[in-house]
């Protein structure tokens, strides 16, 4: 599992708010760039809270979808999470090797598999969900509850257009 990239937050300040010695950033008004930096910060939080749980952000997202949608097909995971099918297969293989997920044949289409969390996986999920809550709290620290809800609404709006 990779180590967090940095322990201190990135400071991109507008030119008028820049103190002596601070770097000028032509990117602080670029939403896509700021979202990317926010993603890196969320990964730092993730690795801090998920240390020892044996999952990455990608495998956690796949596992979360399997837990929430018993019997989901790998293709649906790939589409919903915007992950290449071959990468979903590798992530599911890792989760299955860890005993968290099992594949069952789809009786309607024998070439397809359905994914389910195992008993061990459902037990591990409770710990992962608590860690995810801590990640969210750390990520949103400094925002009011209303600002956090607004951020979520705006991100969903951007993703579902």
C-alpha atoms as a PDB file:
ATOM      1  CA  UNK A   1       0.000   0.000   0.000  1.00  0.00           C
ATOM      2  CA  UNK A   2       1.523   3.365  -0.960  1.00  0.00           C
ATOM      3  CA  UNK A   3       2.371   5.837   1.761  1.00  0.00           C
ATOM      4  CA  UNK A   4       0.521   9.145   1.946  1.00  0.00           C
ATOM      5  CA  UNK A   5       2.049  11.758  -0.321  1.00  0.00           C
ATOM      6  CA  UNK A   6       2.393  14.573   2.179  1.00  0.00           C
ATOM      7  CA  UNK A   7       1.555  15.263   5.781  1.00  0.00           C
ATOM      8  CA  UNK A   8       0.823  18.970   5.414  1.00  0.00           C
ATOM      9  CA  UNK A   9      -1.971  20.416   3.313  1.00  0.00           C
ATOM     10  CA  UNK A  10      -1.254  22.111   0.024  1.00  0.00           C
ATOM     11  CA  UNK A  11      -1.548  25.898   0.143  1.00  0.00           C
ATOM     12  CA  UNK A  12      -2.643  27.486  -3.083  1.00  0.00           C
ATOM     13  CA  UNK A  13      -3.301  31.090  -2.271  1.00  0.00           C
ATOM     14  CA  UNK A  14      -4.610  33.844  -4.525  1.00  0.00           C
ATOM     15  CA  UNK A  15      -2.042  36.397  -5.588  1.00  0.00           C
ATOM     16  CA  UNK A  16      -3.539  39.085  -3.354  1.00  0.00           C
ATOM     17  CA  UNK A  17      -3.406  36.785  -0.293  1.00  0.00           C
ATOM     18  CA  UNK A  18       0.126  35.528  -0.901  1.00  0.00           C
ATOM     19  CA  UNK A  19       2.634  36.049   1.892  1.00  0.00           C
ATOM     20  CA  UNK A  20       6.319  36.596   1.270  1.00  0.00           C
ATOM     21  CA  UNK A  21       7.962  33.320   0.317  1.00  0.00           C
ATOM     22  CA  UNK A  22       4.749  31.539  -0.699  1.00  0.00           C
ATOM     23  CA  UNK A  23       4.584  30.157  -4.187  1.00  0.00           C
ATOM     24  CA  UNK A  24       2.327  31.833  -6.698  1.00  0.00           C
ATOM     25  CA  UNK A  25      -0.098  29.378  -8.225  1.00  0.00           C
ATOM     26  CA  UNK A  26      -1.760  29.918 -11.572  1.00  0.00           C
ATOM     27  CA  UNK A  27      -3.852  26.829 -10.752  1.00  0.00           C
ATOM     28  CA  UNK A  28      -5.788  27.993  -7.691  1.00  0.00           C
ATOM     29  CA  UNK A  29      -8.772  28.977  -9.817  1.00  0.00           C
ATOM     30  CA  UNK A  30      -8.851  25.695 -11.807  1.00  0.00           C
ATOM     31  CA  UNK A  31     -11.657  23.504 -10.428  1.00  0.00           C
ATOM     32  CA  UNK A  32     -10.384  20.283 -12.017  1.00  0.00           C
ATOM     33  CA  UNK A  33      -6.931  20.813 -10.537  1.00  0.00           C
ATOM     34  CA  UNK A  34      -8.346  21.622  -7.099  1.00  0.00           C
ATOM     35  CA  UNK A  35     -10.529  18.497  -7.223  1.00  0.00           C
ATOM     36  CA  UNK A  36      -7.388  16.477  -8.007  1.00  0.00           C
ATOM     37  CA  UNK A  37      -5.573  17.976  -5.008  1.00  0.00           C
ATOM     38  CA  UNK A  38      -8.628  17.260  -2.868  1.00  0.00           C
ATOM     39  CA  UNK A  39      -8.518  13.649  -4.084  1.00  0.00           C
ATOM     40  CA  UNK A  40      -4.882  13.380  -3.010  1.00  0.00           C
ATOM     41  CA  UNK A  41      -5.804  14.773   0.397  1.00  0.00           C
ATOM     42  CA  UNK A  42      -8.624  12.244   0.688  1.00  0.00           C
ATOM     43  CA  UNK A  43      -6.156   9.458  -0.150  1.00  0.00           C
ATOM     44  CA  UNK A  44      -3.889  10.677   2.662  1.00  0.00           C
ATOM     45  CA  UNK A  45      -6.858  10.405   5.028  1.00  0.00           C
ATOM     46  CA  UNK A  46      -7.749   6.998   3.591  1.00  0.00           C
ATOM     47  CA  UNK A  47      -4.300   5.496   4.151  1.00  0.00           C
ATOM     48  CA  UNK A  48      -4.145   6.930   7.658  1.00  0.00           C
ATOM     49  CA  UNK A  49      -7.460   5.383   8.713  1.00  0.00           C
ATOM     50  CA  UNK A  50      -7.320   2.172   6.672  1.00  0.00           C
ATOM     51  CA  UNK A  51      -3.791   1.174   7.702  1.00  0.00           C
ATOM     52  CA  UNK A  52      -3.823  -2.536   8.460  1.00  0.00           C
ATOM     53  CA  UNK A  53      -7.175  -3.242   6.802  1.00  0.00           C
ATOM     54  CA  UNK A  54      -5.553  -4.477   3.594  1.00  0.00           C
ATOM     55  CA  UNK A  55      -7.490  -2.420   1.068  1.00  0.00           C
ATOM     56  CA  UNK A  56      -6.714   0.436  -1.283  1.00  0.00           C
ATOM     57  CA  UNK A  57      -9.139   3.196  -2.278  1.00  0.00           C
ATOM     58  CA  UNK A  58      -9.923   1.246  -5.464  1.00  0.00           C
ATOM     59  CA  UNK A  59     -10.504  -2.100  -3.747  1.00  0.00           C
ATOM     60  CA  UNK A  60     -12.534  -0.397  -1.022  1.00  0.00           C
ATOM     61  CA  UNK A  61     -14.822   1.200  -3.622  1.00  0.00           C
ATOM     62  CA  UNK A  62     -15.328  -2.149  -5.364  1.00  0.00           C
ATOM     63  CA  UNK A  63     -15.943  -3.910  -2.051  1.00  0.00           C
ATOM     64  CA  UNK A  64     -18.390  -1.204  -0.906  1.00  0.00           C
ATOM     65  CA  UNK A  65     -20.427  -1.663  -4.091  1.00  0.00           C
ATOM     66  CA  UNK A  66     -20.460  -5.453  -3.647  1.00  0.00           C
ATOM     67  CA  UNK A  67     -21.614  -5.147  -0.020  1.00  0.00           C
ATOM     68  CA  UNK A  68     -24.352  -2.668  -0.976  1.00  0.00           C
ATOM     69  CA  UNK A  69     -25.429  -4.637  -4.077  1.00  0.00           C
ATOM     70  CA  UNK A  70     -25.246  -8.392  -3.394  1.00  0.00           C
ATOM     71  CA  UNK A  71     -25.151 -10.282  -6.670  1.00  0.00           C
ATOM     72  CA  UNK A  72     -23.700  -7.410  -8.692  1.00  0.00           C
ATOM     73  CA  UNK A  73     -21.870  -8.328 -11.878  1.00  0.00           C
ATOM     74  CA  UNK A  74     -18.269  -7.229 -12.437  1.00  0.00           C
ATOM     75  CA  UNK A  75     -19.334  -5.358 -15.575  1.00  0.00           C
ATOM     76  CA  UNK A  76     -21.747  -3.224 -13.573  1.00  0.00           C
ATOM     77  CA  UNK A  77     -18.930  -2.396 -11.152  1.00  0.00           C
ATOM     78  CA  UNK A  78     -16.688  -1.353 -14.032  1.00  0.00           C
ATOM     79  CA  UNK A  79     -19.371   0.889 -15.469  1.00  0.00           C
ATOM     80  CA  UNK A  80     -20.525   2.482 -12.222  1.00  0.00           C
ATOM     81  CA  UNK A  81     -17.026   3.089 -10.848  1.00  0.00           C
ATOM     82  CA  UNK A  82     -15.473   3.943 -14.229  1.00  0.00           C
ATOM     83  CA  UNK A  83     -12.816   1.274 -13.832  1.00  0.00           C
ATOM     84  CA  UNK A  84     -11.509  -0.869 -16.689  1.00  0.00           C
ATOM     85  CA  UNK A  85     -13.059  -4.359 -16.595  1.00  0.00           C
ATOM     86  CA  UNK A  86      -9.588  -5.930 -16.397  1.00  0.00           C
ATOM     87  CA  UNK A  87      -8.819  -3.790 -13.342  1.00  0.00           C
ATOM     88  CA  UNK A  88     -12.126  -4.771 -11.729  1.00  0.00           C
ATOM     89  CA  UNK A  89     -11.198  -8.424 -12.295  1.00  0.00           C
ATOM     90  CA  UNK A  90      -7.843  -7.913 -10.571  1.00  0.00           C
ATOM     91  CA  UNK A  91      -9.462  -6.069  -7.654  1.00  0.00           C
ATOM     92  CA  UNK A  92     -12.126  -8.768  -7.251  1.00  0.00           C
ATOM     93  CA  UNK A  93      -9.408 -11.437  -7.400  1.00  0.00           C
ATOM     94  CA  UNK A  94      -7.603  -9.702  -4.529  1.00  0.00           C
ATOM     95  CA  UNK A  95     -10.805  -9.400  -2.494  1.00  0.00           C
ATOM     96  CA  UNK A  96     -11.620 -13.063  -3.147  1.00  0.00           C
ATOM     97  CA  UNK A  97      -8.083 -14.140  -2.179  1.00  0.00           C
ATOM     98  CA  UNK A  98      -8.538 -12.243   1.095  1.00  0.00           C
ATOM     99  CA  UNK A  99     -11.768 -14.165   1.694  1.00  0.00           C
ATOM    100  CA  UNK A 100     -13.946 -11.044   1.560  1.00  0.00           C
ATOM    101  CA  UNK A 101     -15.802 -11.767  -1.693  1.00  0.00           C
ATOM    102  CA  UNK A 102     -17.065 -14.843  -3.494  1.00  0.00           C
ATOM    103  CA  UNK A 103     -18.209 -15.398  -7.061  1.00  0.00           C
ATOM    104  CA  UNK A 104     -21.288 -17.419  -7.915  1.00  0.00           C
ATOM    105  CA  UNK A 105     -22.375 -18.344 -11.440  1.00  0.00           C
ATOM    106  CA  UNK A 106     -25.274 -16.327 -12.827  1.00  0.00           C
ATOM    107  CA  UNK A 107     -27.972 -18.889 -13.594  1.00  0.00           C
ATOM    108  CA  UNK A 108     -29.413 -16.620 -16.294  1.00  0.00           C
ATOM    109  CA  UNK A 109     -26.094 -16.289 -18.115  1.00  0.00           C
ATOM    110  CA  UNK A 110     -23.651 -19.023 -17.259  1.00  0.00           C
ATOM    111  CA  UNK A 111     -20.615 -17.116 -18.538  1.00  0.00           C
ATOM    112  CA  UNK A 112     -21.232 -14.354 -16.001  1.00  0.00           C
ATOM    113  CA  UNK A 113     -20.470 -14.279 -12.293  1.00  0.00           C
ATOM    114  CA  UNK A 114     -22.330 -12.602  -9.484  1.00  0.00           C
ATOM    115  CA  UNK A 115     -20.374 -11.126  -6.601  1.00  0.00           C
ATOM    116  CA  UNK A 116     -21.256 -11.409  -2.924  1.00  0.00           C
ATOM    117  CA  UNK A 117     -19.530 -10.496   0.309  1.00  0.00           C
ATOM    118  CA  UNK A 118     -18.606 -13.546   2.371  1.00  0.00           C
ATOM    119  CA  UNK A 119     -19.363 -13.854   6.078  1.00  0.00           C
ATOM    120  CA  UNK A 120     -15.779 -12.706   6.709  1.00  0.00           C
ATOM    121  CA  UNK A 121     -16.321  -9.829   4.281  1.00  0.00           C
ATOM    122  CA  UNK A 122     -19.496  -8.668   6.003  1.00  0.00           C
ATOM    123  CA  UNK A 123     -17.678  -8.708   9.351  1.00  0.00           C
ATOM    124  CA  UNK A 124     -14.752  -6.744   7.883  1.00  0.00           C
ATOM    125  CA  UNK A 125     -17.178  -4.270   6.347  1.00  0.00           C
ATOM    126  CA  UNK A 126     -18.224  -2.912   9.751  1.00  0.00           C
ATOM    127  CA  UNK A 127     -14.613  -1.949  10.511  1.00  0.00           C
ATOM    128  CA  UNK A 128     -14.109  -0.513   7.017  1.00  0.00           C
ATOM    129  CA  UNK A 129     -17.281   1.522   7.223  1.00  0.00           C
ATOM    130  CA  UNK A 130     -16.130   3.042  10.532  1.00  0.00           C
ATOM    131  CA  UNK A 131     -12.765   3.862   8.917  1.00  0.00           C
ATOM    132  CA  UNK A 132     -14.559   5.436   5.935  1.00  0.00           C
ATOM    133  CA  UNK A 133     -16.605   7.600   8.300  1.00  0.00           C
ATOM    134  CA  UNK A 134     -13.348   8.770   9.920  1.00  0.00           C
ATOM    135  CA  UNK A 135     -11.881   9.518   6.473  1.00  0.00           C
ATOM    136  CA  UNK A 136     -14.916  11.617   5.572  1.00  0.00           C
ATOM    137  CA  UNK A 137     -14.785  13.490   8.877  1.00  0.00           C
ATOM    138  CA  UNK A 138     -11.080  14.244   8.446  1.00  0.00           C
ATOM    139  CA  UNK A 139     -11.525  15.264   4.840  1.00  0.00           C
ATOM    140  CA  UNK A 140     -14.401  17.632   5.616  1.00  0.00           C
ATOM    141  CA  UNK A 141     -12.764  19.042   8.743  1.00  0.00           C
ATOM    142  CA  UNK A 142     -12.993  22.808   8.664  1.00  0.00           C
ATOM    143  CA  UNK A 143     -16.302  22.808   6.802  1.00  0.00           C
ATOM    144  CA  UNK A 144     -19.635  23.305   8.522  1.00  0.00           C
ATOM    145  CA  UNK A 145     -22.219  20.534   8.210  1.00  0.00           C
ATOM    146  CA  UNK A 146     -24.087  22.673   5.668  1.00  0.00           C
ATOM    147  CA  UNK A 147     -20.901  23.271   3.646  1.00  0.00           C
ATOM    148  CA  UNK A 148     -20.218  19.522   3.663  1.00  0.00           C
ATOM    149  CA  UNK A 149     -23.722  18.799   2.349  1.00  0.00           C
ATOM    150  CA  UNK A 150     -23.299  21.501  -0.304  1.00  0.00           C
ATOM    151  CA  UNK A 151     -19.954  20.069  -1.399  1.00  0.00           C
ATOM    152  CA  UNK A 152     -21.511  16.606  -1.767  1.00  0.00           C
ATOM    153  CA  UNK A 153     -24.436  18.011  -3.733  1.00  0.00           C
ATOM    154  CA  UNK A 154     -22.143  19.936  -6.069  1.00  0.00           C
ATOM    155  CA  UNK A 155     -19.852  16.949  -6.642  1.00  0.00           C
ATOM    156  CA  UNK A 156     -22.861  14.731  -7.422  1.00  0.00           C
ATOM    157  CA  UNK A 157     -24.161  17.379  -9.805  1.00  0.00           C
ATOM    158  CA  UNK A 158     -20.832  17.452 -11.651  1.00  0.00           C
ATOM    159  CA  UNK A 159     -20.697  13.668 -11.866  1.00  0.00           C
ATOM    160  CA  UNK A 160     -24.272  13.151 -13.068  1.00  0.00           C
ATOM    161  CA  UNK A 161     -24.515  15.718 -15.824  1.00  0.00           C
END
